[in-house]
Structure formats: structure tokens, C-alpha cells
PDB file of N, CA and C in Angstrom:
ATOM      1  N   UNK A   1      11.637   9.392  -7.365  1.00  0.00           N
ATOM      2  CA  UNK A   1      10.329   9.415  -6.723  1.00  0.00           C
ATOM      3  C   UNK A   1       9.268   9.638  -7.788  1.00  0.00           C
ATOM      4  N   UNK A   2       8.112   9.053  -7.607  1.00  0.00           N
ATOM      5  CA  UNK A   2       7.024   9.209  -8.568  1.00  0.00           C
ATOM      6  C   UNK A   2       6.240  10.489  -8.292  1.00  0.00           C
ATOM      7  N   UNK A   3       5.567  10.959  -9.302  1.00  0.00           N
ATOM      8  CA  UNK A   3       4.673  12.102  -9.151  1.00  0.00           C
ATOM      9  C   UNK A   3       3.346  11.598  -8.622  1.00  0.00           C
ATOM     10  N   UNK A   4       2.819  12.254  -7.598  1.00  0.00           N
ATOM     11  CA  UNK A   4       1.556  11.820  -7.000  1.00  0.00           C
ATOM     12  C   UNK A   4       0.431  11.779  -8.029  1.00  0.00           C
ATOM     13  N   UNK A   5       0.451  12.698  -8.975  1.00  0.00           N
ATOM     14  CA  UNK A   5      -0.611  12.759  -9.975  1.00  0.00           C
ATOM     15  C   UNK A   5      -0.600  11.554 -10.904  1.00  0.00           C
ATOM     16  N   UNK A   6       0.560  10.932 -11.085  1.00  0.00           N
ATOM     17  CA  UNK A   6       0.647   9.826 -12.035  1.00  0.00           C
ATOM     18  C   UNK A   6       0.638   8.446 -11.385  1.00  0.00           C
ATOM     19  N   UNK A   7       0.522   8.372 -10.076  1.00  0.00           N
ATOM     20  CA  UNK A   7       0.608   7.065  -9.409  1.00  0.00           C
ATOM     21  C   UNK A   7      -0.483   6.111  -9.878  1.00  0.00           C
ATOM     22  N   UNK A   8      -1.650   6.628 -10.210  1.00  0.00           N
ATOM     23  CA  UNK A   8      -2.731   5.750 -10.687  1.00  0.00           C
ATOM     24  C   UNK A   8      -2.369   5.067 -12.009  1.00  0.00           C
ATOM     25  N   UNK A   9      -1.453   5.682 -12.768  1.00  0.00           N
ATOM     26  CA  UNK A   9      -1.005   5.072 -14.025  1.00  0.00           C
ATOM     27  C   UNK A   9      -0.279   3.755 -13.786  1.00  0.00           C
ATOM     28  N   UNK A  10       0.169   3.516 -12.561  1.00  0.00           N
ATOM     29  CA  UNK A  10       0.932   2.317 -12.247  1.00  0.00           C
ATOM     30  C   UNK A  10       0.065   1.156 -11.784  1.00  0.00           C
ATOM     31  N   UNK A  11      -1.241   1.381 -11.638  1.00  0.00           N
ATOM     32  CA  UNK A  11      -2.121   0.286 -11.224  1.00  0.00           C
ATOM     33  C   UNK A  11      -2.037  -0.846 -12.248  1.00  0.00           C
ATOM     34  N   UNK A  12      -1.835  -2.045 -11.747  1.00  0.00           N
ATOM     35  CA  UNK A  12      -1.646  -3.219 -12.601  1.00  0.00           C
ATOM     36  C   UNK A  12      -0.179  -3.587 -12.772  1.00  0.00           C
ATOM     37  N   UNK A  13       0.716  -2.633 -12.490  1.00  0.00           N
ATOM     38  CA  UNK A  13       2.155  -2.903 -12.585  1.00  0.00           C
ATOM     39  C   UNK A  13       2.616  -3.683 -11.361  1.00  0.00           C
ATOM     40  N   UNK A  14       3.701  -4.408 -11.510  1.00  0.00           N
ATOM     41  CA  UNK A  14       4.239  -5.162 -10.386  1.00  0.00           C
ATOM     42  C   UNK A  14       4.900  -4.241  -9.369  1.00  0.00           C
ATOM     43  N   UNK A  15       4.772  -4.626  -8.117  1.00  0.00           N
ATOM     44  CA  UNK A  15       5.453  -3.971  -7.011  1.00  0.00           C
ATOM     45  C   UNK A  15       6.608  -4.888  -6.632  1.00  0.00           C
ATOM     46  N   UNK A  16       7.801  -4.297  -6.498  1.00  0.00           N
ATOM     47  CA  UNK A  16       9.029  -5.063  -6.308  1.00  0.00           C
ATOM     48  C   UNK A  16       9.743  -4.574  -5.049  1.00  0.00           C
ATOM     49  N   UNK A  17      10.339  -5.515  -4.307  1.00  0.00           N
ATOM     50  CA  UNK A  17      11.058  -5.147  -3.077  1.00  0.00           C
ATOM     51  C   UNK A  17      12.505  -4.748  -3.409  1.00  0.00           C
ATOM     52  N   UNK A  18      13.282  -4.297  -2.411  1.00  0.00           N
ATOM     53  CA  UNK A  18      14.644  -3.822  -2.679  1.00  0.00           C
ATOM     54  C   UNK A  18      15.585  -4.858  -3.304  1.00  0.00           C
ATOM     55  N   UNK A  19      15.331  -6.144  -3.072  1.00  0.00           N
ATOM     56  CA  UNK A  19      16.206  -7.166  -3.663  1.00  0.00           C
ATOM     57  C   UNK A  19      15.739  -7.608  -5.047  1.00  0.00           C
ATOM     58  N   UNK A  20      14.681  -6.993  -5.563  1.00  0.00           N
ATOM     59  CA  UNK A  20      14.197  -7.329  -6.896  1.00  0.00           C
ATOM     60  C   UNK A  20      13.115  -8.378  -6.933  1.00  0.00           C
ATOM     61  N   UNK A  21      12.682  -8.870  -5.768  1.00  0.00           N
ATOM     62  CA  UNK A  21      11.616  -9.875  -5.721  1.00  0.00           C
ATOM     63  C   UNK A  21      10.263  -9.207  -5.969  1.00  0.00           C
ATOM     64  N   UNK A  22       9.466  -9.813  -6.844  1.00  0.00           N
ATOM     65  CA  UNK A  22       8.128  -9.297  -7.117  1.00  0.00           C
ATOM     66  C   UNK A  22       7.196  -9.660  -5.969  1.00  0.00           C
ATOM     67  N   UNK A  23       6.506  -8.651  -5.438  1.00  0.00           N
ATOM     68  CA  UNK A  23       5.545  -8.871  -4.360  1.00  0.00           C
ATOM     69  C   UNK A  23       4.183  -9.195  -4.953  1.00  0.00           C
ATOM     70  N   UNK A  24       3.783  -8.469  -5.995  1.00  0.00           N
ATOM     71  CA  UNK A  24       2.507  -8.674  -6.660  1.00  0.00           C
ATOM     72  C   UNK A  24       2.108  -7.420  -7.398  1.00  0.00           C
ATOM     73  N   UNK A  25       0.974  -7.467  -8.117  1.00  0.00           N
ATOM     74  CA  UNK A  25       0.533  -6.294  -8.859  1.00  0.00           C
ATOM     75  C   UNK A  25      -0.116  -5.235  -7.956  1.00  0.00           C
ATOM     76  N   UNK A  26       0.089  -3.989  -8.329  1.00  0.00           N
ATOM     77  CA  UNK A  26      -0.523  -2.863  -7.631  1.00  0.00           C
ATOM     78  C   UNK A  26      -2.012  -2.830  -7.957  1.00  0.00           C
ATOM     79  N   UNK A  27      -2.862  -2.906  -6.934  1.00  0.00           N
ATOM     80  CA  UNK A  27      -4.314  -2.912  -7.133  1.00  0.00           C
ATOM     81  C   UNK A  27      -4.939  -1.539  -6.922  1.00  0.00           C
ATOM     82  N   UNK A  28      -4.475  -0.817  -5.893  1.00  0.00           N
ATOM     83  CA  UNK A  28      -5.051   0.496  -5.616  1.00  0.00           C
ATOM     84  C   UNK A  28      -4.108   1.295  -4.738  1.00  0.00           C
ATOM     85  N   UNK A  29      -4.442   2.582  -4.615  1.00  0.00           N
ATOM     86  CA  UNK A  29      -3.640   3.518  -3.829  1.00  0.00           C
ATOM     87  C   UNK A  29      -4.516   4.078  -2.715  1.00  0.00           C
ATOM     88  N   UNK A  30      -3.949   4.140  -1.524  1.00  0.00           N
ATOM     89  CA  UNK A  30      -4.613   4.759  -0.382  1.00  0.00           C
ATOM     90  C   UNK A  30      -3.883   6.057  -0.061  1.00  0.00           C
ATOM     91  N   UNK A  31      -4.640   7.142   0.010  1.00  0.00           N
ATOM     92  CA  UNK A  31      -4.093   8.467   0.243  1.00  0.00           C
ATOM     93  C   UNK A  31      -4.221   8.861   1.704  1.00  0.00           C
ATOM     94  N   UNK A  32      -3.268   9.639   2.188  1.00  0.00           N
ATOM     95  CA  UNK A  32      -3.339  10.231   3.523  1.00  0.00           C
ATOM     96  C   UNK A  32      -4.396  11.330   3.442  1.00  0.00           C
ATOM     97  N   UNK A  33      -5.432  11.217   4.228  1.00  0.00           N
ATOM     98  CA  UNK A  33      -6.545  12.167   4.144  1.00  0.00           C
ATOM     99  C   UNK A  33      -6.167  13.568   4.628  1.00  0.00           C
ATOM    100  N   UNK A  34      -5.117  13.680   5.416  1.00  0.00           N
ATOM    101  CA  UNK A  34      -4.696  14.994   5.912  1.00  0.00           C
ATOM    102  C   UNK A  34      -3.849  15.747   4.891  1.00  0.00           C
ATOM    103  N   UNK A  35      -3.031  15.021   4.139  1.00  0.00           N
ATOM    104  CA  UNK A  35      -2.102  15.675   3.210  1.00  0.00           C
ATOM    105  C   UNK A  35      -2.458  15.469   1.743  1.00  0.00           C
ATOM    106  N   UNK A  36      -3.385  14.560   1.466  1.00  0.00           N
ATOM    107  CA  UNK A  36      -3.785  14.237   0.088  1.00  0.00           C
ATOM    108  C   UNK A  36      -2.648  13.627  -0.731  1.00  0.00           C
ATOM    109  N   UNK A  37      -1.665  13.031  -0.073  1.00  0.00           N
ATOM    110  CA  UNK A  37      -0.562  12.393  -0.780  1.00  0.00           C
ATOM    111  C   UNK A  37      -0.727  10.876  -0.738  1.00  0.00           C
ATOM    112  N   UNK A  38      -0.223  10.177  -1.760  1.00  0.00           N
ATOM    113  CA  UNK A  38      -0.279   8.718  -1.743  1.00  0.00           C
ATOM    114  C   UNK A  38       0.513   8.191  -0.550  1.00  0.00           C
ATOM    115  N   UNK A  39      -0.114   7.329   0.263  1.00  0.00           N
ATOM    116  CA  UNK A  39       0.528   6.840   1.475  1.00  0.00           C
ATOM    117  C   UNK A  39       0.823   5.346   1.432  1.00  0.00           C
ATOM    118  N   UNK A  40      -0.129   4.541   0.947  1.00  0.00           N
ATOM    119  CA  UNK A  40       0.037   3.094   0.912  1.00  0.00           C
ATOM    120  C   UNK A  40      -0.426   2.547  -0.430  1.00  0.00           C
ATOM    121  N   UNK A  41       0.246   1.490  -0.866  1.00  0.00           N
ATOM    122  CA  UNK A  41      -0.189   0.723  -2.022  1.00  0.00           C
ATOM    123  C   UNK A  41      -0.884  -0.523  -1.512  1.00  0.00           C
ATOM    124  N   UNK A  42      -1.967  -0.903  -2.155  1.00  0.00           N
ATOM    125  CA  UNK A  42      -2.610  -2.186  -1.893  1.00  0.00           C
ATOM    126  C   UNK A  42      -2.124  -3.123  -3.000  1.00  0.00           C
ATOM    127  N   UNK A  43      -1.428  -4.185  -2.594  1.00  0.00           N
ATOM    128  CA  UNK A  43      -0.789  -5.109  -3.527  1.00  0.00           C
ATOM    129  C   UNK A  43      -1.474  -6.465  -3.434  1.00  0.00           C
ATOM    130  N   UNK A  44      -1.830  -7.032  -4.595  1.00  0.00           N
ATOM    131  CA  UNK A  44      -2.484  -8.346  -4.610  1.00  0.00           C
ATOM    132  C   UNK A  44      -1.435  -9.432  -4.417  1.00  0.00           C
ATOM    133  N   UNK A  45      -1.665 -10.274  -3.421  1.00  0.00           N
ATOM    134  CA  UNK A  45      -0.765 -11.398  -3.144  1.00  0.00           C
ATOM    135  C   UNK A  45      -1.597 -12.668  -3.028  1.00  0.00           C
ATOM    136  N   UNK A  46      -0.927 -13.809  -3.081  1.00  0.00           N
ATOM    137  CA  UNK A  46      -1.607 -15.087  -2.907  1.00  0.00           C
ATOM    138  C   UNK A  46      -1.582 -15.911  -4.167  1.00  0.00           C
ATOM    139  N   UNK A  47      -2.432 -16.940  -4.167  1.00  0.00           N
ATOM    140  CA  UNK A  47      -2.535 -17.836  -5.309  1.00  0.00           C
ATOM    141  C   UNK A  47      -3.946 -17.787  -5.863  1.00  0.00           C
ATOM    142  N   UNK A  48      -4.111 -18.241  -7.070  1.00  0.00           N
ATOM    143  CA  UNK A  48      -5.393 -18.201  -7.752  1.00  0.00           C
ATOM    144  C   UNK A  48      -6.524 -18.669  -6.843  1.00  0.00           C
ATOM    145  N   UNK A  49      -7.523 -17.837  -6.701  1.00  0.00           N
ATOM    146  CA  UNK A  49      -8.672 -18.166  -5.874  1.00  0.00           C
ATOM    147  C   UNK A  49      -8.508 -17.811  -4.408  1.00  0.00           C
ATOM    148  N   UNK A  50      -7.297 -17.424  -4.007  1.00  0.00           N
ATOM    149  CA  UNK A  50      -7.032 -17.092  -2.602  1.00  0.00           C
ATOM    150  C   UNK A  50      -6.226 -15.800  -2.483  1.00  0.00           C
ATOM    151  N   UNK A  51      -6.552 -14.831  -3.331  1.00  0.00           N
ATOM    152  CA  UNK A  51      -5.834 -13.569  -3.311  1.00  0.00           C
ATOM    153  C   UNK A  51      -6.272 -12.698  -2.143  1.00  0.00           C
ATOM    154  N   UNK A  52      -5.343 -11.865  -1.666  1.00  0.00           N
ATOM    155  CA  UNK A  52      -5.594 -10.872  -0.621  1.00  0.00           C
ATOM    156  C   UNK A  52      -4.906  -9.577  -1.041  1.00  0.00           C
ATOM    157  N   UNK A  53      -5.365  -8.471  -0.515  1.00  0.00           N
ATOM    158  CA  UNK A  53      -4.672  -7.207  -0.714  1.00  0.00           C
ATOM    159  C   UNK A  53      -3.872  -6.904   0.544  1.00  0.00           C
ATOM    160  N   UNK A  54      -2.585  -6.675   0.359  1.00  0.00           N
ATOM    161  CA  UNK A  54      -1.684  -6.327   1.456  1.00  0.00           C
ATOM    162  C   UNK A  54      -1.248  -4.879   1.261  1.00  0.00           C
ATOM    163  N   UNK A  55      -0.967  -4.216   2.372  1.00  0.00           N
ATOM    164  CA  UNK A  55      -0.631  -2.805   2.324  1.00  0.00           C
ATOM    165  C   UNK A  55       0.859  -2.609   2.520  1.00  0.00           C
ATOM    166  N   UNK A  56       1.442  -1.704   1.714  1.00  0.00           N
ATOM    167  CA  UNK A  56       2.855  -1.364   1.830  1.00  0.00           C
ATOM    168  C   UNK A  56       2.987   0.155   1.685  1.00  0.00           C
ATOM    169  N   UNK A  57       3.776   0.778   2.581  1.00  0.00           N
ATOM    170  CA  UNK A  57       3.956   2.226   2.497  1.00  0.00           C
ATOM    171  C   UNK A  57       4.614   2.640   1.177  1.00  0.00           C
ATOM    172  N   UNK A  58       4.222   3.807   0.685  1.00  0.00           N
ATOM    173  CA  UNK A  58       4.811   4.337  -0.539  1.00  0.00           C
ATOM    174  C   UNK A  58       5.957   5.303  -0.269  1.00  0.00           C
ATOM    175  N   UNK A  59       6.200   5.641   0.991  1.00  0.00           N
ATOM    176  CA  UNK A  59       7.302   6.525   1.324  1.00  0.00           C
ATOM    177  C   UNK A  59       8.609   5.893   0.854  1.00  0.00           C
ATOM    178  N   UNK A  60       9.365   6.605   0.039  1.00  0.00           N
ATOM    179  CA  UNK A  60      10.625   6.095  -0.481  1.00  0.00           C
ATOM    180  C   UNK A  60      10.497   5.259  -1.741  1.00  0.00           C
ATOM    181  N   UNK A  61       9.271   5.037  -2.218  1.00  0.00           N
ATOM    182  CA  UNK A  61       9.065   4.228  -3.425  1.00  0.00           C
ATOM    183  C   UNK A  61       9.562   4.976  -4.667  1.00  0.00           C
ATOM    184  N   UNK A  62      10.021   4.208  -5.635  1.00  0.00           N
ATOM    185  CA  UNK A  62      10.464   4.755  -6.914  1.00  0.00           C
ATOM    186  C   UNK A  62       9.852   3.928  -8.038  1.00  0.00           C
ATOM    187  N   UNK A  63       9.831   4.504  -9.233  1.00  0.00           N
ATOM    188  CA  UNK A  63       9.305   3.769 -10.376  1.00  0.00           C
ATOM    189  C   UNK A  63      10.404   3.542 -11.399  1.00  0.00           C
ATOM    190  N   UNK A  64      10.251   2.454 -12.124  1.00  0.00           N
ATOM    191  CA  UNK A  64      11.103   2.148 -13.263  1.00  0.00           C
ATOM    192  C   UNK A  64      10.149   1.999 -14.446  1.00  0.00           C
ATOM    193  N   UNK A  65      10.663   1.801 -15.628  1.00  0.00           N
ATOM    194  CA  UNK A  65       9.748   1.639 -16.760  1.00  0.00           C
ATOM    195  C   UNK A  65       8.780   0.457 -16.627  1.00  0.00           C
ATOM    196  N   UNK A  66       9.108  -0.526 -15.785  1.00  0.00           N
ATOM    197  CA  UNK A  66       8.271  -1.720 -15.727  1.00  0.00           C
ATOM    198  C   UNK A  66       7.617  -2.014 -14.392  1.00  0.00           C
ATOM    199  N   UNK A  67       8.045  -1.364 -13.302  1.00  0.00           N
ATOM    200  CA  UNK A  67       7.466  -1.690 -12.003  1.00  0.00           C
ATOM    201  C   UNK A  67       7.661  -0.560 -10.993  1.00  0.00           C
ATOM    202  N   UNK A  68       7.039  -0.748  -9.838  1.00  0.00           N
ATOM    203  CA  UNK A  68       7.140   0.178  -8.715  1.00  0.00           C
ATOM    204  C   UNK A  68       8.014  -0.482  -7.656  1.00  0.00           C
ATOM    205  N   UNK A  69       9.085   0.185  -7.270  1.00  0.00           N
ATOM    206  CA  UNK A  69       9.988  -0.332  -6.235  1.00  0.00           C
ATOM    207  C   UNK A  69       9.601   0.256  -4.887  1.00  0.00           C
ATOM    208  N   UNK A  70       9.440  -0.594  -3.885  1.00  0.00           N
ATOM    209  CA  UNK A  70       9.180  -0.138  -2.524  1.00  0.00           C
ATOM    210  C   UNK A  70      10.387  -0.459  -1.660  1.00  0.00           C
ATOM    211  N   UNK A  71      10.480   0.168  -0.497  1.00  0.00           N
ATOM    212  CA  UNK A  71      11.666  -0.007   0.353  1.00  0.00           C
ATOM    213  C   UNK A  71      11.515  -1.130   1.367  1.00  0.00           C
ATOM    214  N   UNK A  72      10.383  -1.822   1.355  1.00  0.00           N
ATOM    215  CA  UNK A  72      10.145  -2.893   2.328  1.00  0.00           C
ATOM    216  C   UNK A  72      10.289  -4.262   1.685  1.00  0.00           C
ATOM    217  N   UNK A  73      10.828  -5.196   2.437  1.00  0.00           N
ATOM    218  CA  UNK A  73      11.070  -6.560   2.004  1.00  0.00           C
ATOM    219  C   UNK A  73       9.762  -7.312   1.730  1.00  0.00           C
ATOM    220  N   UNK A  74       9.800  -8.197   0.757  1.00  0.00           N
ATOM    221  CA  UNK A  74       8.638  -8.991   0.369  1.00  0.00           C
ATOM    222  C   UNK A  74       8.022  -9.734   1.551  1.00  0.00           C
ATOM    223  N   UNK A  75       8.835 -10.332   2.399  1.00  0.00           N
ATOM    224  CA  UNK A  75       8.306 -11.076   3.547  1.00  0.00           C
ATOM    225  C   UNK A  75       7.548 -10.159   4.502  1.00  0.00           C
ATOM    226  N   UNK A  76       8.065  -8.977   4.756  1.00  0.00           N
ATOM    227  CA  UNK A  76       7.379  -8.032   5.625  1.00  0.00           C
ATOM    228  C   UNK A  76       6.024  -7.643   5.037  1.00  0.00           C
ATOM    229  N   UNK A  77       5.989  -7.414   3.740  1.00  0.00           N
ATOM    230  CA  UNK A  77       4.734  -7.053   3.078  1.00  0.00           C
ATOM    231  C   UNK A  77       3.753  -8.216   3.138  1.00  0.00           C
ATOM    232  N   UNK A  78       4.229  -9.429   2.877  1.00  0.00           N
ATOM    233  CA  UNK A  78       3.337 -10.592   2.885  1.00  0.00           C
ATOM    234  C   UNK A  78       2.775 -10.885   4.274  1.00  0.00           C
ATOM    235  N   UNK A  79       3.436 -10.406   5.330  1.00  0.00           N
ATOM    236  CA  UNK A  79       2.952 -10.577   6.692  1.00  0.00           C
ATOM    237  C   UNK A  79       2.092  -9.394   7.152  1.00  0.00           C
ATOM    238  N   UNK A  80       1.918  -8.405   6.302  1.00  0.00           N
ATOM    239  CA  UNK A  80       1.151  -7.196   6.653  1.00  0.00           C
ATOM    240  C   UNK A  80      -0.343  -7.504   6.771  1.00  0.00           C
ATOM    241  N   UNK A  81      -1.070  -6.671   7.503  1.00  0.00           N
ATOM    242  CA  UNK A  81      -2.533  -6.826   7.543  1.00  0.00           C
ATOM    243  C   UNK A  81      -3.093  -6.811   6.121  1.00  0.00           C
ATOM    244  N   UNK A  82      -4.167  -7.551   5.916  1.00  0.00           N
ATOM    245  CA  UNK A  82      -4.721  -7.670   4.564  1.00  0.00           C
ATOM    246  C   UNK A  82      -6.241  -7.607   4.588  1.00  0.00           C
ATOM    247  N   UNK A  83      -6.794  -7.422   3.394  1.00  0.00           N
ATOM    248  CA  UNK A  83      -8.245  -7.435   3.202  1.00  0.00           C
ATOM    249  C   UNK A  83      -8.552  -8.279   1.979  1.00  0.00           C
ATOM    250  N   UNK A  84      -9.816  -8.663   1.819  1.00  0.00           N
ATOM    251  CA  UNK A  84     -10.245  -9.359   0.612  1.00  0.00           C
ATOM    252  C   UNK A  84     -10.025  -8.451  -0.592  1.00  0.00           C
ATOM    253  N   UNK A  85      -9.844  -9.038  -1.763  1.00  0.00           N
ATOM    254  CA  UNK A  85      -9.595  -8.241  -2.963  1.00  0.00           C
ATOM    255  C   UNK A  85     -10.763  -7.322  -3.305  1.00  0.00           C
ATOM    256  N   UNK A  86     -11.959  -7.666  -2.881  1.00  0.00           N
ATOM    257  CA  UNK A  86     -13.109  -6.795  -3.121  1.00  0.00           C
ATOM    258  C   UNK A  86     -13.540  -6.069  -1.845  1.00  0.00           C
ATOM    259  N   UNK A  87     -12.671  -6.098  -0.827  1.00  0.00           N
ATOM    260  CA  UNK A  87     -12.998  -5.499   0.463  1.00  0.00           C
ATOM    261  C   UNK A  87     -12.556  -4.055   0.576  1.00  0.00           C
ATOM    262  N   UNK A  88     -12.910  -3.460   1.682  1.00  0.00           N
ATOM    263  CA  UNK A  88     -12.520  -2.098   2.017  1.00  0.00           C
ATOM    264  C   UNK A  88     -11.698  -2.131   3.294  1.00  0.00           C
ATOM    265  N   UNK A  89     -10.729  -1.259   3.388  1.00  0.00           N
ATOM    266  CA  UNK A  89      -9.939  -1.141   4.605  1.00  0.00           C
ATOM    267  C   UNK A  89     -10.807  -0.503   5.684  1.00  0.00           C
ATOM    268  N   UNK A  90     -11.064  -1.253   6.746  1.00  0.00           N
ATOM    269  CA  UNK A  90     -11.887  -0.745   7.838  1.00  0.00           C
ATOM    270  C   UNK A  90     -11.059   0.170   8.727  1.00  0.00           C
ATOM    271  N   UNK A  91     -11.726   1.148   9.333  1.00  0.00           N
ATOM    272  CA  UNK A  91     -11.048   2.107  10.202  1.00  0.00           C
ATOM    273  C   UNK A  91     -10.287   1.404  11.318  1.00  0.00           C
ATOM    274  N   UNK A  92     -10.830   0.340  11.859  1.00  0.00           N
ATOM    275  CA  UNK A  92     -10.198  -0.378  12.968  1.00  0.00           C
ATOM    276  C   UNK A  92      -8.883  -1.033  12.554  1.00  0.00           C
ATOM    277  N   UNK A  93      -8.688  -1.303  11.263  1.00  0.00           N
ATOM    278  CA  UNK A  93      -7.476  -1.956  10.781  1.00  0.00           C
ATOM    279  C   UNK A  93      -6.353  -0.959  10.470  1.00  0.00           C
ATOM    280  N   UNK A  94      -6.696   0.307  10.276  1.00  0.00           N
ATOM    281  CA  UNK A  94      -5.681   1.303   9.922  1.00  0.00           C
ATOM    282  C   UNK A  94      -4.505   1.344  10.905  1.00  0.00           C
ATOM    283  N   UNK A  95      -4.754   1.414  12.229  1.00  0.00           N
ATOM    284  CA  UNK A  95      -3.611   1.448  13.160  1.00  0.00           C
ATOM    285  C   UNK A  95      -2.708   0.227  13.041  1.00  0.00           C
ATOM    286  N   UNK A  96      -3.277  -0.928  12.747  1.00  0.00           N
ATOM    287  CA  UNK A  96      -2.482  -2.148  12.591  1.00  0.00           C
ATOM    288  C   UNK A  96      -1.566  -2.068  11.374  1.00  0.00           C
ATOM    289  N   UNK A  97      -2.069  -1.476  10.291  1.00  0.00           N
ATOM    290  CA  UNK A  97      -1.259  -1.333   9.081  1.00  0.00           C
ATOM    291  C   UNK A  97      -0.043  -0.462   9.388  1.00  0.00           C
ATOM    292  N   UNK A  98      -0.268   0.660  10.032  1.00  0.00           N
ATOM    293  CA  UNK A  98       0.843   1.552  10.382  1.00  0.00           C
ATOM    294  C   UNK A  98       1.807   0.863  11.350  1.00  0.00           C
ATOM    295  N   UNK A  99       1.282   0.211  12.377  1.00  0.00           N
ATOM    296  CA  UNK A  99       2.116  -0.445  13.392  1.00  0.00           C
ATOM    297  C   UNK A  99       2.980  -1.547  12.780  1.00  0.00           C
ATOM    298  N   UNK A 100       2.445  -2.250  11.795  1.00  0.00           N
ATOM    299  CA  UNK A 100       3.202  -3.330  11.157  1.00  0.00           C
ATOM    300  C   UNK A 100       4.529  -2.827  10.595  1.00  0.00           C
ATOM    301  N   UNK A 101       4.533  -1.588  10.117  1.00  0.00           N
ATOM    302  CA  UNK A 101       5.740  -1.007   9.535  1.00  0.00           C
ATOM    303  C   UNK A 101       6.459  -0.063  10.509  1.00  0.00           C
ATOM    304  N   UNK A 102       6.021  -0.037  11.768  1.00  0.00           N
ATOM    305  CA  UNK A 102       6.660   0.814  12.759  1.00  0.00           C
ATOM    306  C   UNK A 102       6.409   2.293  12.535  1.00  0.00           C
ATOM    307  N   UNK A 103       5.290   2.617  11.900  1.00  0.00           N
ATOM    308  CA  UNK A 103       4.958   4.004  11.607  1.00  0.00           C
ATOM    309  C   UNK A 103       3.945   4.534  12.617  1.00  0.00           C
ATOM    310  N   UNK A 104       4.059   5.811  12.974  1.00  0.00           N
ATOM    311  CA  UNK A 104       3.084   6.381  13.910  1.00  0.00           C
ATOM    312  C   UNK A 104       1.721   6.532  13.247  1.00  0.00           C
ATOM    313  N   UNK A 105       0.676   6.313  14.014  1.00  0.00           N
ATOM    314  CA  UNK A 105      -0.693   6.466  13.509  1.00  0.00           C
ATOM    315  C   UNK A 105      -1.413   7.502  14.346  1.00  0.00           C
ATOM    316  N   UNK A 106      -1.913   8.534  13.695  1.00  0.00           N
ATOM    317  CA  UNK A 106      -2.653   9.586  14.369  1.00  0.00           C
ATOM    318  C   UNK A 106      -3.885   9.905  13.529  1.00  0.00           C
ATOM    319  N   UNK A 107      -5.046   9.892  14.156  1.00  0.00           N
ATOM    320  CA  UNK A 107      -6.262  10.272  13.437  1.00  0.00           C
ATOM    321  C   UNK A 107      -6.345  11.790  13.365  1.00  0.00           C
ATOM    322  N   UNK A 108      -7.297  12.286  12.605  1.00  0.00           N
ATOM    323  CA  UNK A 108      -7.534  13.719  12.544  1.00  0.00           C
ATOM    324  C   UNK A 108      -8.015  14.230  13.894  1.00  0.00           C
ATOM    325  N   UNK A 109      -8.049  15.543  14.055  1.00  0.00           N
ATOM    326  CA  UNK A 109      -8.431  16.133  15.340  1.00  0.00           C
ATOM    327  C   UNK A 109      -9.832  15.733  15.772  1.00  0.00           C
ATOM    328  N   UNK A 110     -10.690  15.422  14.804  1.00  0.00           N
ATOM    329  CA  UNK A 110     -12.040  14.981  15.116  1.00  0.00           C
ATOM    330  C   UNK A 110     -12.191  13.467  15.051  1.00  0.00           C
ATOM    331  N   UNK A 111     -11.055  12.745  15.031  1.00  0.00           N
ATOM    332  CA  UNK A 111     -11.098  11.287  14.956  1.00  0.00           C
ATOM    333  C   UNK A 111     -11.260  10.753  13.548  1.00  0.00           C
ATOM    334  N   UNK A 112     -11.032  11.623  12.531  1.00  0.00           N
ATOM    335  CA  UNK A 112     -11.190  11.197  11.143  1.00  0.00           C
ATOM    336  C   UNK A 112     -10.174  10.133  10.771  1.00  0.00           C
ATOM    337  N   UNK A 113     -10.579   9.308   9.826  1.00  0.00           N
ATOM    338  CA  UNK A 113      -9.691   8.264   9.312  1.00  0.00           C
ATOM    339  C   UNK A 113      -8.458   8.864   8.690  1.00  0.00           C
ATOM    340  N   UNK A 114      -7.402   8.094   8.673  1.00  0.00           N
ATOM    341  CA  UNK A 114      -6.140   8.557   8.129  1.00  0.00           C
ATOM    342  C   UNK A 114      -5.982   8.203   6.651  1.00  0.00           C
ATOM    343  N   UNK A 115      -6.595   7.090   6.208  1.00  0.00           N
ATOM    344  CA  UNK A 115      -6.412   6.617   4.836  1.00  0.00           C
ATOM    345  C   UNK A 115      -7.735   6.590   4.088  1.00  0.00           C
ATOM    346  N   UNK A 116      -7.655   6.936   2.817  1.00  0.00           N
ATOM    347  CA  UNK A 116      -8.815   6.853   1.937  1.00  0.00           C
ATOM    348  C   UNK A 116      -8.384   6.395   0.557  1.00  0.00           C
ATOM    349  N   UNK A 117      -9.170   5.544  -0.063  1.00  0.00           N
ATOM    350  CA  UNK A 117      -8.850   5.040  -1.399  1.00  0.00           C
ATOM    351  C   UNK A 117      -9.552   5.890  -2.438  1.00  0.00           C
ATOM    352  N   UNK A 118      -8.811   6.215  -3.473  1.00  0.00           N
ATOM    353  CA  UNK A 118      -9.400   6.982  -4.582  1.00  0.00           C
ATOM    354  C   UNK A 118      -9.013   6.372  -5.885  1.00  0.00           C
TER     355      UNK A 118
END
């Protein structure tokens, strides 16, 4: 497992699925606002001029000297909700990201967002 403090060091590194297929480079990290732990990676996918950022959970992720391994299959990640590479994850899209991976989504007691990028 990676150290939460060093996850930003992996930005730009490839994200790889369990079978060794490269999903794309790590663009940014989204933290759980309640626990301050890294929750999702935003991974750049697509072809030149048509890139999107797709979200993949970091739970169970591990690092190697050259890439970040996630526990979800490349196809599942490529079908995940996405945003423009220069976009922001809107609050309305957060529940969809969690639902795509079968994860429960709960806002803060005051309706606060669950994810924040740092």
C-alpha cells in the first residue's frame, strides 16, 4: 500500500489494472473530505485531442517502481464517469462515480461533498 503523504509523487505515472494493462497516466488525486485520505485517482484516457479524466478508487491500490496498480479492470475504469481534462468534478457527479464501482455514497451531515482535489 502507498503512503498517503507520497501519493502526489506518483502524478504522471501510469495506472495499471490487475492484468497489467495500462489504463493511462495519473493526473490528480481526490481525497475523502471526511477522512482526509486519498480516495480516487483521476486517470487520463482517450486519444490525442480527445482526452478525458476517469475516476478509479484507490482502495487496495499498490505502487511499484514504475506505476500505480489499481484493483479495477481497465474496461470498468474506461466506462466510469468522466470529466474534461481541465474540468472539475461536480457535486452532482460524485454519487455516479461511487455507484459505478458499487461503493456507498454518503455526504457529510450538512450535505458536504465527499471528494475534494488537492
